[in-house]
Each structure stands twice: as C-alpha cells, then as structure tokens.
Amino acid sequence: MGNHYHLFIQTPEANLVEGMKWFQNTVTRRFNVRHREWGRLFGDRYKAVVVDGGSPYYYETLWDYIHLNPSRARVVDVTQGQSVLDYPWSSIAGGYALMPHQRAKWLAAEQGLATMGVEDTVEGRKKMVGRLDKRAAEEREQSGFVAVDAESDQRGSHLRRGWYWGQQAFAQSLLKLGEAAIGRKREARGYDASLEMKAHGEHQALALLEEGLRVATLAKEDLIEHGCTEPRKALLAGLLWKKTTVSQAWIAEHLGMKNAANVSRVIHRMGLSQLQEKVSGNLRRFVSEKMNTDP
C-alpha cells in the first residue's frame, strides 16, 4: 500500500518484538544506503493483532483481508478488467501465484495454500486468484471491513481495531497467559532461556511424540502406512504444533505425513475436538491433559 504494509506472521516463540525491530531497522538502513537518505523510514511502531489459529475462519479472513486490500483501496479495479495480480507488491503476484522455485524462501506459500484448501498446482493457483477477483468484484463498494462471525467478541476482535482476531474465549486465554508471565518470578538471569529450551525444543517434541505414539498404540515403522487424515496421526500432529516449536516440516517427517502442506491442511481443516471424538479414550485423555498443561 502507499503508506503501510501488512504481514501475516506465524511464530512459535514470543519474539515478535525482536523480529519486527530487526526487520524495520534493517529495511530502513538498506533503503537509506540505496537512496542516499537518512533518518526514520517508518512513521511509528507497528500494530500487532493476535490471531486465533484454532479455527480456519480467522486464518482465511485474515488472508483475504490482506490480499483484497489493494482492491478495497482502489489501487486495482477488478470491475475494469484488472486483477489482484496487477498489484505487484502483494504476496499473491510476488509469491502465491508463482511456481514454487520462483518464490522467496521465507514465504510459507505451501502452508498458506493448504490452509485455504487450494493445491499448489497451476490449476489450484488459478482457482485461488479467481476466487479473490470474484470476491473483490462482489464487495467493490465496501469499505474494507471484514465480516465478524457471531461468536466473536465485537468489543476487541476486529482486524482494523482491537488487539486480537478471534473468539472471546481465545482472548481470555491470552489474558491468563499474560497474567502468568507478568507474575512469574525470575529465579536467575538465564532462567527463561533454559526453561524455553527445555519446553519447546526438538528434544521435548520427540519425548511428547514417543509418549503419544505409545498411548495411541502406533509404531513408528507403521506410520507411513496410515494416511495423513488418520485420526491418531492427525491428532498427534495438532498436539505437536500447539505445544512445541518444531516446524510443520519436522512434524511431517516424524509422523510420516510427506510434507508440511499435509500437516497444515490437517491442523487447520480438522479441528482437534472433532479428531478427539474418533480416537480411543486413553489417547483423548492424553491429548486433553497435554493441551491443558502450560508449555
């Protein structure tokens, strides 16, 4: 856009502040060196909205909100034969619509397409662009607001105001986490770092996976024989994604799910509560216990 940008970031660690500080400082320095300028490039601190990843609705509406913004801002006009592809600075034209080898390595396009229910093929990418163009044409006269579902807390859940995008229960869980973090005493200077490594590293993920496989009565050598949507595998994939910091590619490798796109599709299209109804009572209790335990 002319005076701002949008980023859809998913990070397993609470390090958005450090990441954005590095990003904006780096862009400013490189811009000033290239154009022989000096001083601030960005007008103010970025605005962050926390997104509820438990429901595909919030991911999908945020994804659409970002990519339809050029149309809503009248930068492109789909009613005059243009397309969202005609805005060159979007991750649609510069990423999602491109062949995989043409994309920037930092863009998680494969997972994004899977979340939106689109295959990473020529036909799938064409369908994705067509859907965005159709929606842009239908809402040409709207002001850029996205619809808020009936279960959202309208006092603070909106992409243009408020601090989170999700259900009220999601906001309440965030508030509880914040209270716990603020009230927790630091025992030593390296306490947080060592605790974080212990709770979120690959070692913790492997231990959780082995315990889960044992409860699910799944042998590692048999994982490849089961499909990605097999309830026990899918449920364990969701548990690992929610409670550890390993990547979806790591989960795919260790659960025999071929690639990260399959993991993303399972996590965001099949709800954990729905999956729990399809497994044994032992596995259901195991997952519930782990999900309710603070990382």
Protein backbone atom coordinates (compact mmCIF):
# COMPACT_ATOMS: atom_id res chain seq x y z
CA MET A 1 0.00 0.00 0.00
CA GLY A 2 1.02 3.63 -0.31
CA ASN A 3 1.70 4.31 3.35
CA HIS A 4 1.70 0.97 5.17
CA TYR A 5 2.25 -2.75 4.75
CA HIS A 6 0.69 -5.95 6.08
CA LEU A 7 2.47 -9.08 7.28
CA PHE A 8 0.84 -12.39 8.24
CA ILE A 9 3.38 -13.96 10.60
CA GLN A 10 3.20 -17.24 12.48
CA THR A 11 5.92 -17.61 15.10
CA PRO A 12 6.30 -20.42 17.65
CA GLU A 13 8.12 -18.16 20.08
CA ALA A 14 7.04 -14.94 21.78
CA ASN A 15 9.66 -12.94 19.91
CA LEU A 16 7.62 -10.72 17.58
CA VAL A 17 9.01 -7.53 19.14
CA GLU A 18 12.62 -8.56 18.49
CA GLY A 19 11.76 -9.78 15.00
CA MET A 20 9.95 -6.61 13.96
CA LYS A 21 12.66 -4.41 15.46
CA TRP A 22 15.27 -6.22 13.37
CA PHE A 23 13.08 -6.11 10.25
CA GLN A 24 12.22 -2.41 10.32
CA ASN A 25 15.74 -1.33 11.29
CA THR A 26 17.26 -3.45 8.53
CA VAL A 27 14.85 -2.17 5.87
CA THR A 28 15.50 1.43 6.98
CA ARG A 29 19.30 1.07 6.80
CA ARG A 30 19.24 -0.61 3.39
CA PHE A 31 16.75 1.91 1.99
CA ASN A 32 18.83 4.86 3.20
CA VAL A 33 22.04 3.41 1.80
CA ARG A 34 20.49 2.69 -1.59
CA HIS A 35 18.77 6.07 -1.94
CA ARG A 36 21.35 8.13 -0.04
CA GLU A 37 18.79 9.19 2.55
CA TRP A 38 18.91 9.35 6.33
CA GLY A 39 16.56 9.25 9.29
CA ARG A 40 13.42 7.25 10.02
CA LEU A 41 11.62 5.39 7.26
CA PHE A 42 8.60 4.17 9.24
CA GLY A 43 6.33 6.70 10.92
CA ASP A 44 5.52 4.81 14.09
CA ARG A 45 5.54 1.48 15.86
CA TYR A 46 3.78 -1.35 14.03
CA LYS A 47 0.35 -2.54 15.12
CA ALA A 48 0.07 -6.22 16.03
CA VAL A 49 -3.18 -8.21 16.12
CA VAL A 50 -3.03 -11.69 17.65
CA VAL A 51 -4.95 -14.25 15.56
CA ASP A 52 -6.88 -17.26 16.80
CA GLY A 53 -5.41 -20.25 14.96
CA GLY A 54 -7.89 -22.73 16.41
CA SER A 55 -10.47 -22.02 13.71
CA PRO A 56 -9.83 -21.84 9.94
CA TYR A 57 -12.26 -18.90 9.77
CA TYR A 58 -9.82 -16.42 11.29
CA TYR A 59 -6.89 -17.55 9.14
CA GLU A 60 -8.97 -17.38 5.97
CA THR A 61 -10.47 -13.95 6.65
CA LEU A 62 -7.07 -12.51 7.54
CA TRP A 63 -5.54 -14.00 4.38
CA ASP A 64 -8.33 -12.48 2.28
CA TYR A 65 -8.17 -9.17 4.14
CA ILE A 66 -4.52 -8.71 3.22
CA HIS A 67 -4.78 -9.74 -0.41
CA LEU A 68 -8.01 -7.82 -1.11
CA ASN A 69 -6.66 -4.61 0.38
CA PRO A 70 -5.38 -3.21 -2.97
CA SER A 71 -8.88 -3.60 -4.40
CA ARG A 72 -10.55 -2.07 -1.37
CA ALA A 73 -8.11 0.86 -1.50
CA ARG A 74 -8.96 1.40 -5.21
CA VAL A 75 -5.39 0.65 -6.29
CA VAL A 76 -6.72 -2.03 -8.66
CA ASP A 77 -10.24 -2.19 -10.10
CA VAL A 78 -11.44 -5.71 -10.92
CA THR A 79 -14.62 -4.30 -12.46
CA GLN A 80 -12.47 -2.69 -15.17
CA GLY A 81 -10.71 -5.88 -16.18
CA GLN A 82 -7.91 -5.71 -13.64
CA SER A 83 -6.96 -8.45 -11.17
CA VAL A 84 -5.39 -8.73 -7.74
CA LEU A 85 -2.36 -9.92 -9.72
CA ASP A 86 -1.96 -6.37 -11.06
CA TYR A 87 -0.74 -5.17 -7.67
CA PRO A 88 2.96 -6.17 -7.89
CA TRP A 89 3.81 -5.67 -4.20
CA SER A 90 1.40 -8.31 -2.93
CA SER A 91 2.40 -11.83 -1.93
CA ILE A 92 -0.18 -13.01 -4.49
CA ALA A 93 1.64 -11.61 -7.53
CA GLY A 94 5.05 -11.95 -5.90
CA GLY A 95 4.61 -15.38 -4.33
CA TYR A 96 1.48 -17.48 -4.23
CA ALA A 97 0.76 -17.23 -7.97
CA LEU A 98 4.33 -18.15 -8.89
CA MET A 99 5.90 -21.55 -9.41
CA PRO A 100 7.42 -22.91 -6.16
CA HIS A 101 11.02 -22.40 -7.33
CA GLN A 102 10.31 -18.74 -8.14
CA ARG A 103 9.14 -17.77 -4.65
CA ALA A 104 11.13 -16.22 -1.85
CA LYS A 105 12.27 -18.85 0.63
CA TRP A 106 10.74 -17.00 3.58
CA LEU A 107 7.21 -17.14 2.14
CA ALA A 108 5.32 -20.15 3.55
CA ALA A 109 3.17 -20.36 0.40
CA GLU A 110 2.70 -24.11 0.51
CA GLN A 111 1.23 -23.99 4.01
CA GLY A 112 -0.83 -20.91 3.14
CA LEU A 113 -2.36 -22.55 0.09
CA ALA A 114 -3.11 -25.68 2.07
CA THR A 115 -4.83 -23.65 4.78
CA MET A 116 -7.02 -22.08 2.11
CA GLY A 117 -7.86 -25.51 0.71
CA VAL A 118 -6.01 -24.97 -2.58
CA GLU A 119 -3.50 -27.32 -4.20
CA ASP A 120 -0.10 -25.89 -5.13
CA THR A 121 -0.63 -26.55 -8.84
CA VAL A 122 -1.21 -24.34 -11.88
CA GLU A 123 -4.93 -25.05 -11.70
CA GLY A 124 -5.03 -24.56 -7.92
CA ARG A 125 -3.23 -21.21 -8.07
CA LYS A 126 -5.51 -20.06 -10.89
CA LYS A 127 -8.54 -21.01 -8.80
CA MET A 128 -7.15 -19.03 -5.86
CA VAL A 129 -6.70 -15.86 -7.91
CA GLY A 130 -10.12 -16.30 -9.49
CA ARG A 131 -11.77 -16.56 -6.09
CA LEU A 132 -10.08 -13.37 -4.88
CA ASP A 133 -11.03 -11.48 -8.04
CA LYS A 134 -14.63 -12.64 -7.73
CA ARG A 135 -14.84 -11.56 -4.11
CA ALA A 136 -13.19 -8.23 -4.92
CA ALA A 137 -15.82 -7.58 -7.58
CA GLU A 138 -18.67 -8.50 -5.24
CA GLU A 139 -17.54 -6.17 -2.46
CA ARG A 140 -16.31 -3.30 -4.65
CA GLU A 141 -18.43 -0.80 -2.76
CA GLN A 142 -17.47 -1.98 0.73
CA SER A 143 -15.11 -0.07 3.00
CA GLY A 144 -12.57 -2.79 3.59
CA PHE A 145 -14.02 -4.24 6.78
CA VAL A 146 -14.20 -8.00 7.08
CA ALA A 147 -17.26 -9.67 8.50
CA VAL A 148 -17.14 -10.66 12.15
CA ASP A 149 -18.68 -14.04 12.91
CA ALA A 150 -21.40 -14.43 15.51
CA GLU A 151 -19.06 -15.88 18.15
CA SER A 152 -16.53 -13.06 18.02
CA ASP A 153 -16.16 -10.54 20.81
CA GLN A 154 -17.02 -7.36 18.92
CA ARG A 155 -15.53 -5.13 21.63
CA GLY A 156 -11.98 -6.08 20.75
CA SER A 157 -11.97 -8.58 17.90
CA HIS A 158 -11.53 -6.80 14.61
CA LEU A 159 -8.74 -6.50 12.08
CA ARG A 160 -8.96 -2.71 11.96
CA ARG A 161 -9.27 -2.10 15.67
CA GLY A 162 -8.75 -4.08 18.84
CA TRP A 163 -5.84 -6.30 19.76
CA TYR A 164 -6.95 -9.78 18.72
CA TRP A 165 -8.86 -11.50 15.93
CA GLY A 166 -10.77 -14.48 17.28
CA GLN A 167 -13.37 -15.66 19.73
CA GLN A 168 -13.73 -14.19 23.18
CA ALA A 169 -12.54 -17.45 24.76
CA PHE A 170 -9.29 -17.03 22.81
CA ALA A 171 -8.82 -13.52 24.25
CA GLN A 172 -9.47 -14.75 27.77
CA SER A 173 -6.84 -17.47 27.40
CA LEU A 174 -4.32 -14.85 26.21
CA LEU A 175 -5.09 -12.64 29.18
CA LYS A 176 -4.47 -15.55 31.55
CA LEU A 177 -1.15 -16.31 29.87
CA GLY A 178 -0.18 -12.66 30.19
CA GLU A 179 -1.03 -12.56 33.86
CA ALA A 180 1.01 -15.70 34.47
CA ALA A 181 4.01 -14.28 32.58
CA ILE A 182 3.89 -10.97 34.41
CA GLY A 183 3.51 -12.60 37.81
CA ARG A 184 6.20 -15.22 37.35
CA LYS A 185 9.39 -14.60 39.28
CA ARG A 186 12.75 -14.87 37.57
CA GLU A 187 14.97 -17.20 39.54
CA ALA A 188 18.10 -16.39 37.60
CA ARG A 189 19.28 -14.42 34.58
CA GLY A 190 19.26 -17.47 32.31
CA TYR A 191 16.08 -18.93 33.76
CA ASP A 192 13.69 -18.03 30.93
CA ALA A 193 16.06 -19.12 28.19
CA SER A 194 16.78 -22.50 29.80
CA LEU A 195 13.11 -23.12 30.54
CA GLU A 196 12.15 -22.20 27.00
CA MET A 197 14.71 -24.57 25.53
CA LYS A 198 13.55 -27.38 27.80
CA ALA A 199 9.87 -26.85 27.00
CA HIS A 200 9.99 -26.09 23.29
CA GLY A 201 12.98 -27.75 21.69
CA GLU A 202 13.13 -30.80 19.49
CA HIS A 203 14.04 -32.91 22.49
CA GLN A 204 10.72 -32.04 24.11
CA ALA A 205 8.87 -32.67 20.86
CA LEU A 206 10.44 -36.10 20.47
CA ALA A 207 9.55 -37.04 24.03
CA LEU A 208 5.96 -35.88 23.52
CA LEU A 209 5.73 -37.76 20.23
CA GLU A 210 7.06 -41.02 21.70
CA GLU A 211 4.63 -40.83 24.59
CA GLY A 212 1.77 -40.04 22.25
CA LEU A 213 2.59 -42.92 19.91
CA ARG A 214 2.68 -45.28 22.85
CA VAL A 215 -0.73 -44.17 24.09
CA ALA A 216 -2.11 -44.31 20.53
CA THR A 217 -0.65 -47.81 20.03
CA LEU A 218 1.12 -46.66 16.89
CA ALA A 219 4.55 -48.00 15.95
CA LYS A 220 6.97 -45.64 14.22
CA GLU A 221 7.58 -48.13 11.44
CA ASP A 222 3.85 -48.31 10.71
CA LEU A 223 3.23 -44.56 10.48
CA ILE A 224 3.91 -44.37 6.75
CA GLU A 225 1.17 -46.93 6.08
CA HIS A 226 -1.51 -44.68 7.58
CA GLY A 227 -2.88 -41.71 5.65
CA CYS A 228 -2.40 -38.12 6.76
CA THR A 229 -6.00 -37.87 7.93
CA GLU A 230 -5.82 -40.97 10.12
CA PRO A 231 -7.31 -39.60 13.38
CA ARG A 232 -4.49 -40.66 15.69
CA LYS A 233 -1.78 -39.22 13.44
CA ALA A 234 -3.72 -36.04 12.78
CA LEU A 235 -4.40 -35.53 16.48
CA LEU A 236 -0.75 -36.01 17.41
CA ALA A 237 0.27 -33.60 14.63
CA GLY A 238 -2.04 -30.97 16.08
CA LEU A 239 -0.73 -31.57 19.58
CA LEU A 240 2.90 -31.17 18.48
CA TRP A 241 2.08 -27.99 16.59
CA LYS A 242 0.21 -26.47 19.52
CA LYS A 243 2.60 -27.41 22.32
CA THR A 244 6.09 -27.28 20.78
CA THR A 245 8.09 -25.06 18.43
CA VAL A 246 9.06 -27.66 15.86
CA SER A 247 8.13 -26.83 12.27
CA GLN A 248 5.37 -28.45 10.25
CA ALA A 249 8.07 -30.00 8.08
CA TRP A 250 9.55 -31.63 11.22
CA ILE A 251 6.11 -32.97 12.18
CA ALA A 252 5.56 -34.30 8.66
CA GLU A 253 8.90 -36.11 8.70
CA HIS A 254 8.38 -37.72 12.11
CA LEU A 255 4.74 -38.70 11.57
CA GLY A 256 5.10 -39.93 8.00
CA MET A 257 2.90 -37.17 6.53
CA LYS A 258 5.10 -36.47 3.48
CA ASN A 259 5.23 -32.66 3.61
CA ALA A 260 4.37 -29.58 5.63
CA ALA A 261 1.33 -28.82 3.47
CA ASN A 262 -0.33 -32.03 4.62
CA VAL A 263 0.29 -31.12 8.24
CA SER A 264 -1.11 -27.63 7.73
CA ARG A 265 -4.18 -28.98 5.97
CA VAL A 266 -4.88 -31.47 8.74
CA ILE A 267 -4.35 -28.95 11.55
CA HIS A 268 -6.45 -26.17 10.10
CA ARG A 269 -9.16 -28.21 8.38
CA MET A 270 -9.74 -30.87 11.00
CA GLY A 271 -10.46 -29.49 14.45
CA LEU A 272 -8.78 -31.09 17.44
CA SER A 273 -12.12 -31.56 19.21
CA GLN A 274 -13.51 -33.32 16.16
CA LEU A 275 -10.48 -35.59 15.96
CA GLN A 276 -10.65 -36.47 19.64
CA GLU A 277 -14.10 -37.98 19.09
CA LYS A 278 -12.58 -40.50 16.68
CA VAL A 279 -9.84 -41.93 18.90
CA SER A 280 -9.66 -44.10 21.99
CA GLY A 281 -10.44 -42.77 25.43
CA ASN A 282 -6.81 -43.15 26.51
CA LEU A 283 -5.50 -41.01 23.66
CA ARG A 284 -8.30 -38.49 24.12
CA ARG A 285 -7.40 -38.06 27.80
CA PHE A 286 -3.70 -37.86 26.99
CA VAL A 287 -4.18 -35.06 24.45
CA SER A 288 -6.58 -33.16 26.72
CA GLU A 289 -4.10 -33.34 29.59
CA LYS A 290 -1.20 -32.11 27.45
CA MET A 291 -3.23 -29.33 25.86
CA ASN A 292 -4.22 -28.02 29.29
CA THR A 293 -0.64 -28.02 30.54
CA ASP A 294 1.24 -24.75 30.16
CA PRO A 295 4.24 -25.12 27.84
